[in-house]
């Protein structure tokens, strides 16, 4: 069994000020099979932003379970809180 059998690739999408602070709008990340969106949030130190209103969409579903295992080619979008104006 090769190393590729245990890895998945997911795409992280960033919007608004978060894209600016990350320096890019899209990152492709290799993860171990069974990893969750929460693992990504921890790895990229986004937990404080989650606590202040950052929303996460997994494969287009806002509010999806952050602890559920991601699939190969999943897209995880990080949506900053929208301020009115």
N, C-alpha and C. Protein backbone atom coordinates (compact mmCIF):
# COMPACT_ATOMS: atom_id res chain seq x y z
N UNK A 1 0.86 -1.19 0.00
CA UNK A 1 0.00 0.00 0.00
C UNK A 1 0.89 1.24 0.00
N UNK A 2 0.72 2.10 -0.98
CA UNK A 2 1.55 3.29 -1.10
C UNK A 2 1.04 4.43 -0.26
N UNK A 3 1.88 5.44 -0.12
CA UNK A 3 1.52 6.61 0.68
C UNK A 3 0.27 7.30 0.15
N UNK A 4 0.08 7.30 -1.18
CA UNK A 4 -1.07 7.95 -1.79
C UNK A 4 -2.40 7.33 -1.37
N UNK A 5 -2.38 6.07 -0.92
CA UNK A 5 -3.62 5.41 -0.53
C UNK A 5 -4.20 6.00 0.75
N UNK A 6 -3.37 6.69 1.53
CA UNK A 6 -3.83 7.20 2.81
C UNK A 6 -4.07 8.70 2.79
N UNK A 7 -3.88 9.32 1.64
CA UNK A 7 -4.00 10.77 1.56
C UNK A 7 -5.19 11.17 0.70
N UNK A 8 -5.76 12.32 1.06
CA UNK A 8 -6.79 12.94 0.24
C UNK A 8 -6.35 14.37 -0.02
N UNK A 9 -6.88 14.97 -1.07
CA UNK A 9 -6.60 16.37 -1.34
C UNK A 9 -7.91 17.13 -1.25
N UNK A 10 -7.88 18.23 -0.52
CA UNK A 10 -9.05 19.08 -0.40
C UNK A 10 -8.66 20.50 -0.81
N UNK A 11 -9.67 21.28 -1.13
CA UNK A 11 -9.43 22.66 -1.52
C UNK A 11 -10.03 23.57 -0.46
N UNK A 12 -9.23 24.50 0.05
CA UNK A 12 -9.71 25.50 0.99
C UNK A 12 -9.92 26.80 0.22
N UNK A 13 -11.10 27.39 0.39
CA UNK A 13 -11.43 28.64 -0.28
C UNK A 13 -11.63 29.72 0.78
N UNK A 14 -11.02 30.88 0.55
CA UNK A 14 -11.11 31.99 1.50
C UNK A 14 -11.77 33.18 0.83
N UNK A 15 -12.59 33.89 1.58
CA UNK A 15 -13.32 35.03 1.03
C UNK A 15 -13.11 36.27 1.90
N UNK A 16 -13.30 37.43 1.29
CA UNK A 16 -13.24 38.69 2.01
C UNK A 16 -11.88 38.94 2.65
N UNK A 17 -11.88 39.56 3.82
CA UNK A 17 -10.63 39.91 4.50
C UNK A 17 -9.77 38.69 4.80
N UNK A 18 -10.40 37.54 4.96
CA UNK A 18 -9.64 36.31 5.25
C UNK A 18 -8.74 35.95 4.07
N UNK A 19 -9.22 36.15 2.84
CA UNK A 19 -8.39 35.88 1.65
C UNK A 19 -7.16 36.79 1.66
N UNK A 20 -7.36 38.05 2.08
CA UNK A 20 -6.25 38.98 2.15
C UNK A 20 -5.25 38.56 3.23
N UNK A 21 -5.74 38.18 4.39
CA UNK A 21 -4.83 37.82 5.48
C UNK A 21 -4.11 36.50 5.20
N UNK A 22 -4.74 35.59 4.45
CA UNK A 22 -4.08 34.32 4.10
C UNK A 22 -3.14 34.51 2.90
N UNK A 23 -3.30 35.62 2.17
CA UNK A 23 -2.44 35.89 1.03
C UNK A 23 -2.89 35.21 -0.25
N UNK A 24 -3.99 34.48 -0.20
CA UNK A 24 -4.53 33.83 -1.40
C UNK A 24 -5.97 33.41 -1.15
N UNK A 25 -6.67 33.18 -2.24
CA UNK A 25 -8.10 32.82 -2.13
C UNK A 25 -8.31 31.32 -2.09
N UNK A 26 -7.32 30.56 -2.52
CA UNK A 26 -7.51 29.12 -2.66
C UNK A 26 -6.21 28.38 -2.32
N UNK A 27 -6.32 27.34 -1.51
CA UNK A 27 -5.17 26.51 -1.16
C UNK A 27 -5.59 25.05 -1.31
N UNK A 28 -4.76 24.26 -1.96
CA UNK A 28 -5.01 22.83 -2.02
C UNK A 28 -4.14 22.18 -0.95
N UNK A 29 -4.76 21.33 -0.13
CA UNK A 29 -4.07 20.74 1.01
C UNK A 29 -4.19 19.22 0.95
N UNK A 30 -3.09 18.54 1.21
CA UNK A 30 -3.11 17.08 1.33
C UNK A 30 -3.32 16.73 2.80
N UNK A 31 -4.24 15.83 3.05
CA UNK A 31 -4.57 15.41 4.41
C UNK A 31 -4.59 13.89 4.49
N UNK A 32 -4.48 13.39 5.68
CA UNK A 32 -4.67 11.97 5.89
C UNK A 32 -6.14 11.65 5.75
N UNK A 33 -6.44 10.50 5.17
CA UNK A 33 -7.83 10.06 5.06
C UNK A 33 -8.43 10.03 6.45
N UNK A 34 -9.66 10.51 6.59
CA UNK A 34 -10.31 10.55 7.90
C UNK A 34 -10.18 11.91 8.58
N UNK A 35 -9.43 12.83 7.96
CA UNK A 35 -9.31 14.17 8.54
C UNK A 35 -10.61 14.94 8.38
N UNK A 36 -10.82 15.90 9.27
CA UNK A 36 -12.06 16.68 9.25
C UNK A 36 -11.75 18.15 9.00
N UNK A 37 -12.81 18.92 8.77
CA UNK A 37 -12.65 20.37 8.61
C UNK A 37 -12.08 20.97 9.89
N UNK A 38 -12.44 20.40 11.04
CA UNK A 38 -11.90 20.91 12.31
C UNK A 38 -10.38 20.74 12.35
N UNK A 39 -9.87 19.64 11.77
CA UNK A 39 -8.41 19.45 11.70
C UNK A 39 -7.77 20.58 10.90
N UNK A 40 -8.40 20.97 9.79
CA UNK A 40 -7.90 22.08 8.98
C UNK A 40 -7.94 23.38 9.75
N UNK A 41 -9.04 23.61 10.46
CA UNK A 41 -9.20 24.83 11.24
C UNK A 41 -8.10 24.93 12.29
N UNK A 42 -7.80 23.80 12.94
CA UNK A 42 -6.72 23.79 13.94
C UNK A 42 -5.37 24.02 13.28
N UNK A 43 -5.13 23.34 12.17
CA UNK A 43 -3.84 23.43 11.47
C UNK A 43 -3.53 24.85 11.01
N UNK A 44 -4.55 25.56 10.55
CA UNK A 44 -4.36 26.92 10.05
C UNK A 44 -4.69 27.98 11.10
N UNK A 45 -4.90 27.55 12.33
CA UNK A 45 -5.15 28.45 13.49
C UNK A 45 -6.32 29.40 13.22
N UNK A 46 -7.43 28.84 12.76
CA UNK A 46 -8.61 29.65 12.45
C UNK A 46 -9.66 29.60 13.56
N UNK A 47 -9.38 28.85 14.64
CA UNK A 47 -10.38 28.70 15.71
C UNK A 47 -10.84 30.04 16.28
N UNK A 48 -9.94 31.00 16.55
CA UNK A 48 -10.43 32.29 17.07
C UNK A 48 -11.41 32.97 16.12
N UNK A 49 -11.19 32.83 14.82
CA UNK A 49 -12.10 33.44 13.84
C UNK A 49 -13.44 32.71 13.84
N UNK A 50 -13.40 31.40 14.05
CA UNK A 50 -14.63 30.61 14.12
C UNK A 50 -15.48 31.11 15.29
N UNK A 51 -14.81 31.41 16.40
CA UNK A 51 -15.51 31.89 17.59
C UNK A 51 -16.10 33.28 17.39
N UNK A 52 -15.57 34.04 16.41
CA UNK A 52 -16.10 35.39 16.20
C UNK A 52 -16.92 35.50 14.92
N UNK A 53 -17.55 34.39 14.50
CA UNK A 53 -18.54 34.46 13.44
C UNK A 53 -18.14 33.89 12.09
N UNK A 54 -16.92 33.38 11.94
CA UNK A 54 -16.53 32.76 10.68
C UNK A 54 -17.43 31.56 10.42
N UNK A 55 -18.00 31.50 9.21
CA UNK A 55 -18.84 30.35 8.85
C UNK A 55 -18.05 29.45 7.91
N UNK A 56 -18.36 28.17 7.97
CA UNK A 56 -17.66 27.18 7.15
C UNK A 56 -18.67 26.42 6.32
N UNK A 57 -18.39 26.30 5.02
CA UNK A 57 -19.22 25.50 4.13
C UNK A 57 -18.38 24.35 3.60
N UNK A 58 -18.91 23.14 3.69
CA UNK A 58 -18.22 21.96 3.17
C UNK A 58 -19.01 21.47 1.97
N UNK A 59 -18.36 21.46 0.83
CA UNK A 59 -19.01 21.07 -0.44
C UNK A 59 -20.33 21.81 -0.64
N UNK A 60 -20.31 23.11 -0.34
CA UNK A 60 -21.47 23.96 -0.58
C UNK A 60 -22.51 23.98 0.52
N UNK A 61 -22.29 23.22 1.59
CA UNK A 61 -23.27 23.16 2.67
C UNK A 61 -22.76 23.97 3.86
N UNK A 62 -23.39 25.14 4.07
CA UNK A 62 -23.03 25.99 5.21
C UNK A 62 -23.55 25.32 6.48
N UNK A 63 -22.72 25.26 7.49
CA UNK A 63 -23.14 24.66 8.75
C UNK A 63 -23.00 23.14 8.78
N UNK A 64 -22.25 22.59 7.82
CA UNK A 64 -22.02 21.13 7.82
C UNK A 64 -21.21 20.75 9.07
N UNK A 65 -21.25 19.49 9.42
CA UNK A 65 -20.56 18.97 10.60
C UNK A 65 -19.04 19.09 10.40
N UNK A 66 -18.39 19.91 11.23
CA UNK A 66 -16.96 20.14 11.09
C UNK A 66 -16.12 18.94 11.51
N UNK A 67 -16.74 18.00 12.21
CA UNK A 67 -16.00 16.84 12.70
C UNK A 67 -16.16 15.61 11.79
N UNK A 68 -16.96 15.75 10.76
CA UNK A 68 -17.16 14.64 9.83
C UNK A 68 -15.94 14.51 8.92
N UNK A 69 -15.58 13.28 8.57
CA UNK A 69 -14.42 13.05 7.69
C UNK A 69 -14.66 13.68 6.33
N UNK A 70 -13.63 14.33 5.81
CA UNK A 70 -13.70 14.94 4.49
C UNK A 70 -13.43 13.88 3.43
N UNK A 71 -13.93 14.14 2.24
CA UNK A 71 -13.70 13.24 1.10
C UNK A 71 -12.60 13.83 0.23
N UNK A 72 -12.00 12.97 -0.59
CA UNK A 72 -11.04 13.46 -1.57
C UNK A 72 -11.77 14.46 -2.46
N UNK A 73 -11.16 15.56 -2.75
CA UNK A 73 -11.68 16.67 -3.58
C UNK A 73 -12.75 17.51 -2.88
N UNK A 74 -12.96 17.34 -1.58
CA UNK A 74 -13.89 18.22 -0.87
C UNK A 74 -13.44 19.67 -0.98
N UNK A 75 -14.41 20.58 -0.97
CA UNK A 75 -14.11 22.01 -0.92
C UNK A 75 -14.61 22.55 0.40
N UNK A 76 -13.72 23.23 1.11
CA UNK A 76 -14.07 23.82 2.39
C UNK A 76 -13.93 25.33 2.23
N UNK A 77 -15.05 26.03 2.32
CA UNK A 77 -15.06 27.48 2.14
C UNK A 77 -15.18 28.14 3.49
N UNK A 78 -14.35 29.17 3.70
CA UNK A 78 -14.37 29.92 4.94
C UNK A 78 -14.96 31.30 4.64
N UNK A 79 -16.13 31.54 5.24
CA UNK A 79 -16.92 32.73 4.93
C UNK A 79 -16.90 33.67 6.13
N UNK A 80 -16.30 34.85 5.99
CA UNK A 80 -16.27 35.78 7.11
C UNK A 80 -17.68 36.32 7.39
N UNK A 81 -17.89 36.78 8.62
CA UNK A 81 -19.19 37.38 8.92
C UNK A 81 -19.43 38.57 8.00
N UNK A 82 -20.65 38.75 7.56
CA UNK A 82 -20.98 39.85 6.67
C UNK A 82 -21.44 41.03 7.50
N UNK A 83 -20.82 42.19 7.26
CA UNK A 83 -21.25 43.38 8.00
C UNK A 83 -22.13 44.21 7.09
N UNK A 84 -23.17 44.76 7.65
CA UNK A 84 -24.08 45.57 6.87
C UNK A 84 -23.49 46.95 6.62
N UNK A 85 -24.11 47.68 5.70
CA UNK A 85 -23.57 49.02 5.46
C UNK A 85 -24.36 49.77 4.45
